[in-house]
Amino acid sequence: MARIAGYVLMATGFLACPCHLVFTLPLLAAALGGTALGVALLENSSLVLGLATAYFVVGLGLGLRMLSRRGLAPKGSSRSVGYTD
């Protein structure tokens, strides 16, 4: 289950990358056009950029941790303490 969550975090973090917002934000605003959420996205684009950047960093970090050996090691094992192979 942790591997699936790791892959989901990595994929969504990749989509939230600030360099992709040039493409994804107008598409999202067009899909939500005429709704209050679409207007809020366009009016607060700097806030959306900041939140997307934060999610990008946190999502990729947690996803990598979940997919690494240390993130998947059971509690109490020598790998969870920080020892390396």
PDB file of N, CA and C in Angstrom:
ATOM      1  N   MET A   1       0.816  -1.186   0.000  1.00  0.00           N
ATOM      2  CA  MET A   1       0.000   0.000   0.000  1.00  0.00           C
ATOM      3  C   MET A   1       0.867   1.259   0.000  1.00  0.00           C
ATOM      4  N   ALA A   2       2.011   1.198   0.685  1.00  0.00           N
ATOM      5  CA  ALA A   2       2.889   2.361   0.732  1.00  0.00           C
ATOM      6  C   ALA A   2       3.500   2.634  -0.636  1.00  0.00           C
ATOM      7  N   ARG A   3       3.723   1.589  -1.425  1.00  0.00           N
ATOM      8  CA  ARG A   3       4.271   1.790  -2.765  1.00  0.00           C
ATOM      9  C   ARG A   3       3.275   2.514  -3.665  1.00  0.00           C
ATOM     10  N   ILE A   4       2.001   2.163  -3.564  1.00  0.00           N
ATOM     11  CA  ILE A   4       0.973   2.818  -4.368  1.00  0.00           C
ATOM     12  C   ILE A   4       0.874   4.289  -3.976  1.00  0.00           C
ATOM     13  N   ALA A   5       0.873   4.555  -2.683  1.00  0.00           N
ATOM     14  CA  ALA A   5       0.816   5.943  -2.218  1.00  0.00           C
ATOM     15  C   ALA A   5       2.054   6.715  -2.660  1.00  0.00           C
ATOM     16  N   GLY A   6       3.194   6.069  -2.667  1.00  0.00           N
ATOM     17  CA  GLY A   6       4.416   6.710  -3.129  1.00  0.00           C
ATOM     18  C   GLY A   6       4.338   7.073  -4.595  1.00  0.00           C
ATOM     19  N   TYR A   7       3.819   6.168  -5.402  1.00  0.00           N
ATOM     20  CA  TYR A   7       3.669   6.449  -6.832  1.00  0.00           C
ATOM     21  C   TYR A   7       2.643   7.566  -7.076  1.00  0.00           C
ATOM     22  N   VAL A   8       1.560   7.568  -6.310  1.00  0.00           N
ATOM     23  CA  VAL A   8       0.548   8.622  -6.459  1.00  0.00           C
ATOM     24  C   VAL A   8       1.134   9.978  -6.075  1.00  0.00           C
ATOM     25  N   LEU A   9       1.878  10.029  -4.972  1.00  0.00           N
ATOM     26  CA  LEU A   9       2.507  11.285  -4.570  1.00  0.00           C
ATOM     27  C   LEU A   9       3.520  11.764  -5.607  1.00  0.00           C
ATOM     28  N   MET A  10       4.284  10.841  -6.167  1.00  0.00           N
ATOM     29  CA  MET A  10       5.259  11.219  -7.182  1.00  0.00           C
ATOM     30  C   MET A  10       4.565  11.757  -8.436  1.00  0.00           C
ATOM     31  N   ALA A  11       3.504  11.109  -8.873  1.00  0.00           N
ATOM     32  CA  ALA A  11       2.800  11.532 -10.083  1.00  0.00           C
ATOM     33  C   ALA A  11       2.116  12.878  -9.888  1.00  0.00           C
ATOM     34  N   THR A  12       1.417  13.041  -8.775  1.00  0.00           N
ATOM     35  CA  THR A  12       0.731  14.317  -8.541  1.00  0.00           C
ATOM     36  C   THR A  12       1.724  15.436  -8.240  1.00  0.00           C
ATOM     37  N   GLY A  13       2.818  15.111  -7.578  1.00  0.00           N
ATOM     38  CA  GLY A  13       3.859  16.115  -7.357  1.00  0.00           C
ATOM     39  C   GLY A  13       4.482  16.558  -8.661  1.00  0.00           C
ATOM     40  N   PHE A  14       4.683  15.622  -9.580  1.00  0.00           N
ATOM     41  CA  PHE A  14       5.214  15.956 -10.893  1.00  0.00           C
ATOM     42  C   PHE A  14       4.248  16.858 -11.661  1.00  0.00           C
ATOM     43  N   LEU A  15       2.952  16.584 -11.570  1.00  0.00           N
ATOM     44  CA  LEU A  15       1.960  17.419 -12.252  1.00  0.00           C
ATOM     45  C   LEU A  15       1.848  18.805 -11.631  1.00  0.00           C
ATOM     46  N   ALA A  16       2.138  18.919 -10.352  1.00  0.00           N
ATOM     47  CA  ALA A  16       2.060  20.211  -9.672  1.00  0.00           C
ATOM     48  C   ALA A  16       3.338  21.026  -9.803  1.00  0.00           C
ATOM     49  N   CYS A  17       4.296  20.524 -10.553  1.00  0.00           N
ATOM     50  CA  CYS A  17       5.569  21.223 -10.751  1.00  0.00           C
ATOM     51  C   CYS A  17       5.306  22.628 -11.292  1.00  0.00           C
ATOM     52  N   PRO A  18       5.968  23.639 -10.751  1.00  0.00           N
ATOM     53  CA  PRO A  18       5.730  25.008 -11.203  1.00  0.00           C
ATOM     54  C   PRO A  18       6.012  25.221 -12.694  1.00  0.00           C
ATOM     55  N   CYS A  19       6.908  24.466 -13.271  1.00  0.00           N
ATOM     56  CA  CYS A  19       7.177  24.637 -14.703  1.00  0.00           C
ATOM     57  C   CYS A  19       6.033  24.085 -15.555  1.00  0.00           C
ATOM     58  N   HIS A  20       5.225  23.182 -15.013  1.00  0.00           N
ATOM     59  CA  HIS A  20       4.080  22.654 -15.750  1.00  0.00           C
ATOM     60  C   HIS A  20       2.840  23.524 -15.584  1.00  0.00           C
ATOM     61  N   LEU A  21       2.843  24.433 -14.634  1.00  0.00           N
ATOM     62  CA  LEU A  21       1.658  25.259 -14.400  1.00  0.00           C
ATOM     63  C   LEU A  21       1.346  26.177 -15.574  1.00  0.00           C
ATOM     64  N   VAL A  22       2.336  26.444 -16.402  1.00  0.00           N
ATOM     65  CA  VAL A  22       2.091  27.247 -17.603  1.00  0.00           C
ATOM     66  C   VAL A  22       1.049  26.555 -18.484  1.00  0.00           C
ATOM     67  N   PHE A  23       1.050  25.232 -18.472  1.00  0.00           N
ATOM     68  CA  PHE A  23       0.105  24.464 -19.279  1.00  0.00           C
ATOM     69  C   PHE A  23      -1.120  24.028 -18.480  1.00  0.00           C
ATOM     70  N   THR A  24      -0.903  23.577 -17.251  1.00  0.00           N
ATOM     71  CA  THR A  24      -2.008  22.976 -16.500  1.00  0.00           C
ATOM     72  C   THR A  24      -2.970  24.002 -15.909  1.00  0.00           C
ATOM     73  N   LEU A  25      -2.471  25.169 -15.495  1.00  0.00           N
ATOM     74  CA  LEU A  25      -3.367  26.164 -14.884  1.00  0.00           C
ATOM     75  C   LEU A  25      -4.387  26.705 -15.881  1.00  0.00           C
ATOM     76  N   PRO A  26      -4.008  27.093 -17.109  1.00  0.00           N
ATOM     77  CA  PRO A  26      -5.044  27.521 -18.054  1.00  0.00           C
ATOM     78  C   PRO A  26      -6.012  26.400 -18.440  1.00  0.00           C
ATOM     79  N   LEU A  27      -5.514  25.161 -18.536  1.00  0.00           N
ATOM     80  CA  LEU A  27      -6.413  24.047 -18.837  1.00  0.00           C
ATOM     81  C   LEU A  27      -7.406  23.817 -17.710  1.00  0.00           C
ATOM     82  N   LEU A  28      -6.917  23.898 -16.485  1.00  0.00           N
ATOM     83  CA  LEU A  28      -7.802  23.728 -15.332  1.00  0.00           C
ATOM     84  C   LEU A  28      -8.805  24.867 -15.245  1.00  0.00           C
ATOM     85  N   ALA A  29      -8.352  26.092 -15.503  1.00  0.00           N
ATOM     86  CA  ALA A  29      -9.262  27.240 -15.477  1.00  0.00           C
ATOM     87  C   ALA A  29     -10.297  27.143 -16.598  1.00  0.00           C
ATOM     88  N   ALA A  30      -9.901  26.635 -17.761  1.00  0.00           N
ATOM     89  CA  ALA A  30     -10.855  26.470 -18.855  1.00  0.00           C
ATOM     90  C   ALA A  30     -11.876  25.383 -18.534  1.00  0.00           C
ATOM     91  N   ALA A  31     -11.416  24.315 -17.888  1.00  0.00           N
ATOM     92  CA  ALA A  31     -12.339  23.238 -17.513  1.00  0.00           C
ATOM     93  C   ALA A  31     -13.324  23.711 -16.452  1.00  0.00           C
ATOM     94  N   LEU A  32     -12.856  24.614 -15.592  1.00  0.00           N
ATOM     95  CA  LEU A  32     -13.721  25.136 -14.531  1.00  0.00           C
ATOM     96  C   LEU A  32     -14.306  26.493 -14.899  1.00  0.00           C
ATOM     97  N   GLY A  33     -14.244  26.856 -16.161  1.00  0.00           N
ATOM     98  CA  GLY A  33     -14.716  28.168 -16.615  1.00  0.00           C
ATOM     99  C   GLY A  33     -16.160  28.417 -16.237  1.00  0.00           C
ATOM    100  N   GLY A  34     -16.425  29.621 -15.764  1.00  0.00           N
ATOM    101  CA  GLY A  34     -17.774  29.997 -15.369  1.00  0.00           C
ATOM    102  C   GLY A  34     -18.135  29.603 -13.953  1.00  0.00           C
ATOM    103  N   THR A  35     -17.255  28.910 -13.272  1.00  0.00           N
ATOM    104  CA  THR A  35     -17.523  28.535 -11.883  1.00  0.00           C
ATOM    105  C   THR A  35     -16.729  29.449 -10.951  1.00  0.00           C
ATOM    106  N   ALA A  36     -17.118  29.462  -9.714  1.00  0.00           N
ATOM    107  CA  ALA A  36     -16.414  30.285  -8.733  1.00  0.00           C
ATOM    108  C   ALA A  36     -14.983  29.807  -8.533  1.00  0.00           C
ATOM    109  N   LEU A  37     -14.757  28.505  -8.622  1.00  0.00           N
ATOM    110  CA  LEU A  37     -13.415  27.967  -8.455  1.00  0.00           C
ATOM    111  C   LEU A  37     -12.506  28.375  -9.610  1.00  0.00           C
ATOM    112  N   GLY A  38     -13.031  28.388 -10.823  1.00  0.00           N
ATOM    113  CA  GLY A  38     -12.253  28.820 -11.973  1.00  0.00           C
ATOM    114  C   GLY A  38     -11.841  30.276 -11.866  1.00  0.00           C
ATOM    115  N   VAL A  39     -12.753  31.127 -11.418  1.00  0.00           N
ATOM    116  CA  VAL A  39     -12.442  32.545 -11.229  1.00  0.00           C
ATOM    117  C   VAL A  39     -11.426  32.721 -10.108  1.00  0.00           C
ATOM    118  N   ALA A  40     -11.574  31.980  -9.034  1.00  0.00           N
ATOM    119  CA  ALA A  40     -10.636  32.074  -7.910  1.00  0.00           C
ATOM    120  C   ALA A  40      -9.238  31.631  -8.324  1.00  0.00           C
ATOM    121  N   LEU A  41      -9.137  30.609  -9.167  1.00  0.00           N
ATOM    122  CA  LEU A  41      -7.826  30.155  -9.648  1.00  0.00           C
ATOM    123  C   LEU A  41      -7.135  31.239 -10.468  1.00  0.00           C
ATOM    124  N   LEU A  42      -7.886  31.892 -11.334  1.00  0.00           N
ATOM    125  CA  LEU A  42      -7.290  32.913 -12.179  1.00  0.00           C
ATOM    126  C   LEU A  42      -6.953  34.190 -11.408  1.00  0.00           C
ATOM    127  N   GLU A  43      -7.781  34.561 -10.446  1.00  0.00           N
ATOM    128  CA  GLU A  43      -7.521  35.785  -9.685  1.00  0.00           C
ATOM    129  C   GLU A  43      -6.391  35.608  -8.676  1.00  0.00           C
ATOM    130  N   ASN A  44      -6.175  34.416  -8.192  1.00  0.00           N
ATOM    131  CA  ASN A  44      -5.143  34.147  -7.189  1.00  0.00           C
ATOM    132  C   ASN A  44      -4.049  33.247  -7.755  1.00  0.00           C
ATOM    133  N   SER A  45      -3.578  33.567  -8.938  1.00  0.00           N
ATOM    134  CA  SER A  45      -2.601  32.694  -9.585  1.00  0.00           C
ATOM    135  C   SER A  45      -1.269  32.654  -8.832  1.00  0.00           C
ATOM    136  N   SER A  46      -0.897  33.731  -8.153  1.00  0.00           N
ATOM    137  CA  SER A  46       0.358  33.701  -7.385  1.00  0.00           C
ATOM    138  C   SER A  46       0.230  32.785  -6.164  1.00  0.00           C
ATOM    139  N   LEU A  47      -0.930  32.770  -5.541  1.00  0.00           N
ATOM    140  CA  LEU A  47      -1.168  31.858  -4.425  1.00  0.00           C
ATOM    141  C   LEU A  47      -1.166  30.407  -4.913  1.00  0.00           C
ATOM    142  N   VAL A  48      -1.780  30.175  -6.061  1.00  0.00           N
ATOM    143  CA  VAL A  48      -1.792  28.832  -6.641  1.00  0.00           C
ATOM    144  C   VAL A  48      -0.373  28.392  -6.969  1.00  0.00           C
ATOM    145  N   LEU A  49       0.438  29.304  -7.490  1.00  0.00           N
ATOM    146  CA  LEU A  49       1.831  28.983  -7.798  1.00  0.00           C
ATOM    147  C   LEU A  49       2.604  28.618  -6.534  1.00  0.00           C
ATOM    148  N   GLY A  50       2.415  29.365  -5.455  1.00  0.00           N
ATOM    149  CA  GLY A  50       3.093  29.065  -4.193  1.00  0.00           C
ATOM    150  C   GLY A  50       2.666  27.736  -3.603  1.00  0.00           C
ATOM    151  N   LEU A  51       1.370  27.473  -3.608  1.00  0.00           N
ATOM    152  CA  LEU A  51       0.874  26.208  -3.072  1.00  0.00           C
ATOM    153  C   LEU A  51       1.299  25.021  -3.930  1.00  0.00           C
ATOM    154  N   ALA A  52       1.309  25.201  -5.240  1.00  0.00           N
ATOM    155  CA  ALA A  52       1.748  24.122  -6.126  1.00  0.00           C
ATOM    156  C   ALA A  52       3.228  23.831  -5.943  1.00  0.00           C
ATOM    157  N   THR A  53       4.021  24.871  -5.738  1.00  0.00           N
ATOM    158  CA  THR A  53       5.448  24.676  -5.500  1.00  0.00           C
ATOM    159  C   THR A  53       5.679  23.917  -4.201  1.00  0.00           C
ATOM    160  N   ALA A  54       4.950  24.299  -3.158  1.00  0.00           N
ATOM    161  CA  ALA A  54       5.081  23.605  -1.874  1.00  0.00           C
ATOM    162  C   ALA A  54       4.659  22.141  -2.004  1.00  0.00           C
ATOM    163  N   TYR A  55       3.556  21.884  -2.718  1.00  0.00           N
ATOM    164  CA  TYR A  55       3.116  20.500  -2.901  1.00  0.00           C
ATOM    165  C   TYR A  55       4.107  19.719  -3.751  1.00  0.00           C
ATOM    166  N   PHE A  56       4.704  20.367  -4.739  1.00  0.00           N
ATOM    167  CA  PHE A  56       5.705  19.720  -5.578  1.00  0.00           C
ATOM    168  C   PHE A  56       6.870  19.221  -4.725  1.00  0.00           C
ATOM    169  N   VAL A  57       7.383  20.074  -3.866  1.00  0.00           N
ATOM    170  CA  VAL A  57       8.537  19.709  -3.039  1.00  0.00           C
ATOM    171  C   VAL A  57       8.156  18.622  -2.023  1.00  0.00           C
ATOM    172  N   VAL A  58       7.054  18.824  -1.330  1.00  0.00           N
ATOM    173  CA  VAL A  58       6.635  17.872  -0.300  1.00  0.00           C
ATOM    174  C   VAL A  58       6.193  16.543  -0.926  1.00  0.00           C
ATOM    175  N   GLY A  59       5.439  16.601  -2.011  1.00  0.00           N
ATOM    176  CA  GLY A  59       4.963  15.384  -2.657  1.00  0.00           C
ATOM    177  C   GLY A  59       6.086  14.525  -3.195  1.00  0.00           C
ATOM    178  N   LEU A  60       7.057  15.152  -3.857  1.00  0.00           N
ATOM    179  CA  LEU A  60       8.185  14.379  -4.367  1.00  0.00           C
ATOM    180  C   LEU A  60       9.046  13.841  -3.228  1.00  0.00           C
ATOM    181  N   GLY A  61       9.232  14.634  -2.193  1.00  0.00           N
ATOM    182  CA  GLY A  61      10.038  14.174  -1.055  1.00  0.00           C
ATOM    183  C   GLY A  61       9.409  12.985  -0.350  1.00  0.00           C
ATOM    184  N   LEU A  62       8.118  13.085  -0.062  1.00  0.00           N
ATOM    185  CA  LEU A  62       7.436  11.972   0.600  1.00  0.00           C
ATOM    186  C   LEU A  62       7.327  10.760  -0.316  1.00  0.00           C
ATOM    187  N   GLY A  63       7.078  11.000  -1.603  1.00  0.00           N
ATOM    188  CA  GLY A  63       7.002   9.889  -2.546  1.00  0.00           C
ATOM    189  C   GLY A  63       8.317   9.143  -2.649  1.00  0.00           C
ATOM    190  N   LEU A  64       9.417   9.887  -2.722  1.00  0.00           N
ATOM    191  CA  LEU A  64      10.731   9.240  -2.764  1.00  0.00           C
ATOM    192  C   LEU A  64      11.017   8.481  -1.481  1.00  0.00           C
ATOM    193  N   ARG A  65      10.623   9.055  -0.359  1.00  0.00           N
ATOM    194  CA  ARG A  65      10.845   8.379   0.924  1.00  0.00           C
ATOM    195  C   ARG A  65      10.038   7.086   1.013  1.00  0.00           C
ATOM    196  N   MET A  66       8.794   7.124   0.521  1.00  0.00           N
ATOM    197  CA  MET A  66       7.963   5.921   0.559  1.00  0.00           C
ATOM    198  C   MET A  66       8.485   4.841  -0.375  1.00  0.00           C
ATOM    199  N   LEU A  67       9.096   5.240  -1.465  1.00  0.00           N
ATOM    200  CA  LEU A  67       9.588   4.261  -2.429  1.00  0.00           C
ATOM    201  C   LEU A  67      11.009   3.799  -2.139  1.00  0.00           C
ATOM    202  N   SER A  68      11.690   4.481  -1.235  1.00  0.00           N
ATOM    203  CA  SER A  68      13.043   4.064  -0.902  1.00  0.00           C
ATOM    204  C   SER A  68      13.000   2.896   0.084  1.00  0.00           C
ATOM    205  N   ARG A  69      14.123   2.281   0.298  1.00  0.00           N
ATOM    206  CA  ARG A  69      14.176   1.141   1.222  1.00  0.00           C
ATOM    207  C   ARG A  69      13.918   1.575   2.650  1.00  0.00           C
ATOM    208  N   ARG A  70      14.423   2.754   3.035  1.00  0.00           N
ATOM    209  CA  ARG A  70      14.225   3.215   4.417  1.00  0.00           C
ATOM    210  C   ARG A  70      12.756   3.470   4.700  1.00  0.00           C
ATOM    211  N   GLY A  71      12.023   3.986   3.713  1.00  0.00           N
ATOM    212  CA  GLY A  71      10.615   4.272   3.921  1.00  0.00           C
ATOM    213  C   GLY A  71       9.771   3.023   4.031  1.00  0.00           C
ATOM    214  N   LEU A  72      10.228   1.914   3.439  1.00  0.00           N
ATOM    215  CA  LEU A  72       9.460   0.677   3.445  1.00  0.00           C
ATOM    216  C   LEU A  72       9.910  -0.307   4.508  1.00  0.00           C
ATOM    217  N   ALA A  73      11.010  -0.005   5.210  1.00  0.00           N
ATOM    218  CA  ALA A  73      11.510  -0.927   6.222  1.00  0.00           C
ATOM    219  C   ALA A  73      10.554  -0.962   7.411  1.00  0.00           C
ATOM    220  N   PRO A  74      10.317  -2.145   7.976  1.00  0.00           N
ATOM    221  CA  PRO A  74       9.447  -2.226   9.144  1.00  0.00           C
ATOM    222  C   PRO A  74      10.078  -1.532  10.346  1.00  0.00           C
ATOM    223  N   LYS A  75       9.243  -1.023  11.221  1.00  0.00           N
ATOM    224  CA  LYS A  75       9.746  -0.335  12.407  1.00  0.00           C
ATOM    225  C   LYS A  75      10.519  -1.308  13.278  1.00  0.00           C
ATOM    226  N   GLY A  76      11.621  -0.817  13.813  1.00  0.00           N
ATOM    227  CA  GLY A  76      12.433  -1.641  14.678  1.00  0.00           C
ATOM    228  C   GLY A  76      13.546  -2.361  13.948  1.00  0.00           C
ATOM    229  N   SER A  77      13.540  -2.311  12.611  1.00  0.00           N
ATOM    230  CA  SER A  77      14.618  -2.969  11.878  1.00  0.00           C
ATOM    231  C   SER A  77      15.828  -2.047  11.831  1.00  0.00           C
ATOM    232  N   SER A  78      16.964  -2.589  11.466  1.00  0.00           N
ATOM    233  CA  SER A  78      18.195  -1.799  11.442  1.00  0.00           C
ATOM    234  C   SER A  78      18.149  -0.743  10.345  1.00  0.00           C
ATOM    235  N   ARG A  79      17.371  -0.939   9.307  1.00  0.00           N
ATOM    236  CA  ARG A  79      17.284   0.047   8.229  1.00  0.00           C
ATOM    237  C   ARG A  79      16.539   1.300   8.666  1.00  0.00           C
ATOM    238  N   SER A  80      15.567   1.167   9.557  1.00  0.00           N
ATOM    239  CA  SER A  80      14.799   2.341   9.967  1.00  0.00           C
ATOM    240  C   SER A  80      15.597   3.216  10.923  1.00  0.00           C
ATOM    241  N   VAL A  81      16.708   2.726  11.480  1.00  0.00           N
ATOM    242  CA  VAL A  81      17.524   3.503  12.397  1.00  0.00           C
ATOM    243  C   VAL A  81      18.492   4.395  11.636  1.00  0.00           C
ATOM    244  N   GLY A  82      18.777   4.080  10.376  1.00  0.00           N
ATOM    245  CA  GLY A  82      19.668   4.885   9.583  1.00  0.00           C
ATOM    246  C   GLY A  82      20.908   4.161   9.136  1.00  0.00           C
ATOM    247  N   TYR A  83      21.023   2.878   9.439  1.00  0.00           N
ATOM    248  CA  TYR A  83      22.167   2.100   8.985  1.00  0.00           C
ATOM    249  C   TYR A  83      22.028   1.835   7.497  1.00  0.00           C
ATOM    250  N   THR A  84      23.136   1.753   6.810  1.00  0.00           N
ATOM    251  CA  THR A  84      23.113   1.448   5.387  1.00  0.00           C
ATOM    252  C   THR A  84      23.652   0.046   5.156  1.00  0.00           C
ATOM    253  N   ASP A  85      23.346  -0.488   3.987  1.00  0.00           N
ATOM    254  CA  ASP A  85      23.810  -1.842   3.639  1.00  0.00           C
ATOM    255  C   ASP A  85      25.279  -1.860   3.340  1.00  0.00           C
TER     256      ASP A  85
END
